[in-house]
Protein backbone atom coordinates (compact mmCIF):
# COMPACT_ATOMS: atom_id res chain seq x y z
CA MET A 1 130.24 123.82 34.61
CA PRO A 2 129.87 120.59 35.19
CA SER A 3 131.38 117.74 33.27
CA ASN A 4 129.22 114.71 34.46
CA LEU A 5 125.61 114.03 36.13
CA PRO A 6 124.56 110.65 37.22
CA ILE A 7 120.70 110.24 36.51
CA ALA A 8 118.62 107.25 36.38
CA THR A 9 115.82 105.79 34.09
CA ALA A 10 113.68 103.56 36.08
CA GLN A 11 111.16 100.69 34.88
CA CYS A 12 108.99 99.21 36.77
CA PRO A 13 105.67 97.66 36.72
CA VAL A 14 102.58 100.42 36.81
CA THR A 15 99.20 99.37 38.26
CA ALA A 16 95.50 100.43 39.30
CA ASP A 17 96.70 101.39 42.51
CA PRO A 18 98.29 104.89 43.25
CA ARG A 19 99.61 103.18 46.68
CA ALA A 20 101.08 100.30 45.34
CA ASN A 21 102.88 102.30 42.56
CA GLY A 22 103.94 105.17 45.03
CA GLN A 23 105.63 102.35 47.56
CA GLN A 24 107.52 101.50 43.82
CA VAL A 25 108.42 104.70 43.54
CA ARG A 26 110.17 104.92 46.43
CA ALA A 27 111.77 102.28 46.56
CA LEU A 28 113.47 102.57 43.51
CA MET A 29 114.29 106.26 44.65
CA THR A 30 116.23 104.87 47.14
CA ARG A 31 117.94 102.36 45.12
CA ALA A 32 118.95 105.30 42.61
CA TYR A 33 120.16 107.22 45.67
CA GLU A 34 122.20 104.52 46.88
CA GLY A 35 123.45 104.20 43.13
CA GLY A 36 124.75 107.81 42.93
CA ALA A 37 122.17 109.28 40.66
CA ARG A 38 121.47 112.83 41.38
CA LEU A 39 117.64 112.52 39.39
CA VAL A 40 115.30 109.69 38.70
CA HIS A 41 113.32 109.07 35.95
CA PHE A 42 109.67 107.23 35.76
CA PRO A 43 107.46 106.55 33.15
CA GLU A 44 103.95 107.59 31.73
CA GLY A 45 101.42 107.31 34.14
CA MET A 46 103.87 105.56 36.76
CA LEU A 47 101.89 106.72 39.95
CA SER A 48 98.15 107.47 38.78
CA GLY A 49 98.37 104.69 36.20
CA TYR A 50 97.54 105.28 32.55
CA CYS A 51 93.81 105.51 30.76
CA LYS A 52 92.35 102.61 29.38
CA ALA A 53 95.08 100.48 30.79
CA GLN A 54 94.10 101.20 34.30
CA VAL A 55 92.10 103.85 34.87
CA LYS A 56 89.09 103.40 33.03
CA ASP A 57 86.41 105.74 34.78
CA TRP A 58 87.77 109.43 35.91
CA ASP A 59 84.39 109.70 37.98
CA THR A 60 85.93 106.51 39.87
CA PHE A 61 89.35 107.38 40.46
CA ASP A 62 91.20 107.98 43.68
CA TRP A 63 92.17 111.28 43.70
CA SER A 64 92.60 111.37 47.73
CA THR A 65 95.19 108.57 47.46
CA LEU A 66 97.26 109.86 45.17
CA ARG A 67 97.41 113.07 46.26
CA GLU A 68 98.67 111.80 49.48
CA GLU A 69 101.16 109.49 47.36
CA LEU A 70 102.67 112.34 45.49
CA ASP A 71 103.30 113.69 49.26
CA ALA A 72 104.86 111.11 50.49
CA THR A 73 107.09 111.05 47.08
CA ALA A 74 108.06 114.61 47.49
CA ALA A 75 108.67 113.64 51.40
CA HIS A 76 111.19 110.92 50.08
CA ALA A 77 113.26 113.37 47.79
CA ALA A 78 113.75 115.39 50.05
CA LYS A 79 115.35 112.97 52.69
CA LEU A 80 117.02 111.66 49.77
CA ASP A 81 117.99 114.78 48.12
CA LEU A 82 117.41 112.97 45.13
CA TRP A 83 115.59 115.09 41.94
CA THR A 84 112.66 113.24 41.00
CA VAL A 85 110.69 113.13 37.41
CA LEU A 86 107.26 111.40 38.20
CA GLY A 87 104.69 110.35 35.52
CA SER A 88 101.14 111.29 36.79
CA CYS A 89 97.60 112.28 35.87
CA HIS A 90 96.56 115.89 36.62
CA ARG A 91 93.64 116.94 38.17
CA LEU A 92 91.80 119.74 36.68
CA THR A 93 88.48 121.76 38.09
CA SER A 94 85.65 119.10 36.86
CA PRO A 95 83.90 118.84 34.89
CA THR A 96 87.33 119.50 32.44
CA ARG A 97 89.63 116.28 31.79
CA PRO A 98 92.81 116.12 33.27
CA HIS A 99 96.04 116.37 32.20
CA ASN A 100 98.77 113.93 31.00
CA SER A 101 101.69 115.04 33.04
CA LEU A 102 105.52 114.77 34.22
CA TYR A 103 106.03 116.24 37.39
CA VAL A 104 109.69 117.96 38.31
CA ILE A 105 109.94 117.50 41.91
CA SER A 106 113.53 118.91 43.41
CA GLY A 107 116.06 117.35 45.68
CA GLN A 108 114.40 120.09 48.15
CA GLY A 109 111.40 118.07 47.86
CA VAL A 110 109.70 120.58 46.06
CA LEU A 111 107.55 121.09 42.93
CA ILE A 112 109.30 122.80 40.67
CA GLY A 113 107.58 122.67 37.74
CA ARG A 114 105.53 120.06 35.67
CA TYR A 115 105.31 119.42 32.19
CA ASP A 116 101.73 118.40 30.43
CA LYS A 117 101.78 116.34 27.31
CA ARG A 118 101.60 118.45 24.19
CA ARG A 119 100.44 115.87 21.20
CA LEU A 120 97.48 114.13 22.60
CA SER A 121 96.49 110.68 20.65
CA ASN A 122 93.48 111.17 19.21
CA THR A 123 91.82 108.82 21.67
CA GLU A 124 93.23 110.89 24.73
CA ILE A 125 92.09 114.04 23.37
CA ASN A 126 88.52 113.06 22.56
CA ASP A 127 87.82 110.48 25.87
CA TRP A 128 90.57 111.08 28.44
CA TYR A 129 92.79 114.10 28.58
CA THR A 130 93.43 118.20 28.53
CA PRO A 131 96.33 119.11 26.75
CA GLY A 132 99.20 121.14 27.63
CA THR A 133 100.72 124.47 26.12
CA ASP A 134 104.29 124.99 27.15
CA PRO A 135 107.71 123.16 27.26
CA VAL A 136 108.86 122.58 30.75
CA VAL A 137 112.73 123.23 30.90
CA PHE A 138 114.86 122.74 34.86
CA GLU A 139 118.47 122.60 35.31
CA ILE A 140 120.15 120.61 37.66
CA ASP A 141 124.18 121.41 38.39
CA GLY A 142 124.64 122.83 34.76
CA PHE A 143 122.78 120.41 32.65
CA ARG A 144 119.54 121.85 31.21
CA PHE A 145 116.48 119.27 30.89
CA GLY A 146 113.51 119.24 29.34
CA CYS A 147 110.27 116.38 29.25
CA ALA A 148 108.17 114.58 26.37
CA LEU A 149 105.48 111.77 26.78
CA CYS A 150 104.67 108.96 24.34
CA ILE A 151 103.19 109.82 21.20
CA GLU A 152 105.51 112.97 21.28
CA ILE A 153 107.81 111.52 19.83
CA HIS A 154 106.44 111.53 16.39
CA PHE A 155 106.52 115.59 16.80
CA PRO A 156 110.22 116.22 15.84
CA GLU A 157 109.42 119.67 16.31
CA LEU A 158 108.96 119.42 20.49
CA PHE A 159 112.97 118.34 20.53
CA MET A 160 113.94 121.07 17.77
CA GLU A 161 112.59 123.31 20.26
CA TYR A 162 114.16 121.76 23.25
CA GLU A 163 117.37 122.29 21.56
CA ARG A 164 117.38 125.60 21.00
CA LEU A 165 116.12 125.88 24.02
CA GLY A 166 119.48 125.01 25.11
CA VAL A 167 118.76 121.42 27.07
CA ASP A 168 121.25 119.02 27.47
CA CYS A 169 118.82 116.12 28.15
CA VAL A 170 115.06 115.22 26.89
CA LEU A 171 113.42 113.15 29.80
CA PHE A 172 110.68 111.04 27.45
CA SER A 173 108.15 108.74 29.23
CA ALA A 174 106.46 106.12 27.52
CA TYR A 175 103.58 103.85 28.59
CA ALA A 176 104.37 102.07 24.98
CA GLU A 177 105.85 99.11 23.48
CA ASP A 178 106.38 100.25 19.65
CA PRO A 179 110.12 99.39 19.02
CA ILE A 180 110.06 102.36 16.25
CA PHE A 181 109.79 104.85 19.06
CA GLY A 182 113.31 103.68 19.85
CA ILE A 183 114.67 103.97 16.55
CA THR A 184 112.80 107.50 16.56
CA ALA A 185 114.33 108.72 20.30
CA GLN A 186 117.71 107.60 18.96
CA ALA A 187 117.35 109.54 15.34
CA HIS A 188 116.23 113.23 17.60
CA ALA A 189 119.17 112.20 19.97
CA ALA A 190 121.87 112.32 17.01
CA ILE A 191 119.75 114.95 14.99
CA ASN A 192 120.08 117.71 18.19
CA ASN A 193 122.77 116.47 19.64
CA MET A 194 121.19 115.35 22.95
CA TRP A 195 120.83 112.96 25.60
CA LEU A 196 117.45 111.66 25.88
CA SER A 197 116.47 109.12 28.81
CA LEU A 198 113.75 106.88 27.20
CA CYS A 199 111.59 105.24 30.56
CA THR A 200 109.33 102.58 29.89
CA PRO A 201 106.90 100.35 32.30
CA THR A 202 108.00 97.08 32.79
CA GLN A 203 104.81 95.43 31.07
CA CYS A 204 105.64 97.42 27.78
CA SER A 205 109.85 96.82 27.44
CA HIS A 206 110.08 93.51 26.27
CA LYS A 207 109.75 95.36 22.98
CA LEU A 208 110.60 98.58 24.15
CA ALA A 209 112.76 98.67 27.04
CA SER A 210 113.94 101.45 29.34
CA ALA A 211 117.14 103.17 28.38
CA LEU A 212 119.95 106.27 28.26
CA ILE A 213 120.39 107.22 24.67
CA GLY A 214 123.81 109.65 24.33
CA PRO A 215 124.00 112.41 21.94
CA ASP A 216 125.40 110.55 19.17
CA GLY A 217 122.45 108.36 18.50
CA TYR A 218 123.89 105.22 20.38
CA TYR A 219 122.75 103.64 23.42
CA LEU A 220 124.44 104.19 26.27
CA ALA A 221 122.54 101.80 28.55
CA SER A 222 119.49 99.71 28.85
CA ALA A 223 117.33 97.83 31.20
CA THR A 224 116.68 94.07 30.91
CA PRO A 225 113.68 93.52 29.43
CA GLY A 226 110.57 92.36 31.23
CA ALA A 227 112.22 92.78 34.64
CA THR A 228 111.81 95.60 37.28
CA SER A 229 114.87 97.74 36.51
CA LEU A 230 117.03 100.41 37.04
CA VAL A 231 119.75 101.93 34.71
CA VAL A 232 121.87 104.50 36.13
CA SER A 233 124.30 106.29 33.37
CA GLN A 234 126.30 109.41 33.29
CA LEU A 235 125.67 112.71 30.95
CA ASP A 236 129.36 113.36 30.88
CA ARG A 237 130.50 116.38 28.27
CA ALA A 238 133.93 115.21 28.42
CA ASP A 239 133.45 111.98 27.42
CA PRO A 240 135.57 111.60 24.10
CA ARG A 241 132.90 109.31 22.01
CA TYR A 242 130.70 112.78 21.97
CA ASP A 243 133.47 115.50 20.38
CA VAL A 244 131.96 115.50 17.87
CA ALA A 245 128.30 115.19 18.92
CA LEU A 246 128.75 117.78 21.54
CA ARG A 247 131.35 120.04 20.75
CA LYS A 248 130.94 120.22 16.67
CA ALA A 249 128.05 119.26 15.38
CA ARG A 250 125.35 120.63 17.58
CA PRO A 251 126.66 123.98 17.31
CA TRP A 252 127.50 123.85 13.71
CA ARG A 253 123.79 122.43 13.36
CA ALA A 254 122.75 125.67 14.87
CA SER A 255 124.24 127.90 12.79
CA ALA A 256 123.33 125.99 9.41
CA ARG A 257 119.79 126.09 10.57
CA LEU A 258 119.69 129.65 10.42
CA GLY A 259 120.97 129.69 7.16
CA ASP A 260 123.65 132.45 7.16
CA ILE A 261 126.50 130.70 5.89
CA TYR A 262 124.85 129.33 2.86
CA SER A 263 123.00 132.89 1.75
CA GLY A 264 126.22 134.47 1.40
CA LEU A 265 127.25 131.88 -1.17
CA LYS A 266 124.66 131.93 -3.57
CA VAL A 267 126.07 132.71 -6.84
CA ASP A 268 124.10 134.07 -10.05
CA ASP A 269 124.79 131.66 -12.52
CA ALA A 270 122.84 130.08 -15.94
CA ARG A 271 124.39 126.54 -15.09
CA SER A 272 122.55 126.56 -11.76
CA LYS A 273 119.20 127.91 -12.97
CA ASP A 274 119.21 125.26 -15.45
CA ARG A 275 117.78 122.16 -13.98
CA LEU A 276 116.98 119.96 -16.86
CA SER A 277 120.69 119.46 -18.45
CA PHE A 278 123.16 117.21 -17.57
């Protein structure tokens, strides 16, 4: 099994123009390729724009331009042999509202999966989007990835599910500027002993910059707040700083969560049962 994989986390402005967004995406894909990355990860709503901020009405949304930009981006991924995880809305049959999604495009330019946001906000579920239903897991060079979006950071069960599915790194995209998202992302990474790529647009980065968080919960690298930038980092299983997190804590915690290591040690002791005396 390979011990390392270079990935890139993007930070760029999201606009209301899918064509302008597509040009930005492909420029950063080229930069990621030149930096040696095997995968590049983009923010929530990157290609289409995000509801309320850039998208004001689905009835007037330019779906044909979005499709052209998706096709152009997939072709660019094939040209570069670069896996690309890209935030966008996904059109459903009218009058059903779209999904809020992450497209997973392989290095051959093939759409191999789509993650649809499962835990929508109150505004999203009432006015903008249709919720998804399933996790998405895919593999690159022996590393397993999962996906999550924005408010899902507040649902620890989703990250625990990815840990059970053997995911090494969660690609978390958000159109958000709340610093608590970063703190919570660190907690999920540390609790589940997995890498977490935190990806936000430039306009949110003054409070919540894009970053890669290690399986010990500490920041490995982060983007410059307020700037369009790209963080290229290694998922490195051989890094000594992750020996405890990956080789000791993660397998031990998986066993501890099952409870078997404790069940055989239960005692029938009066002093154990009496919780009202010293």
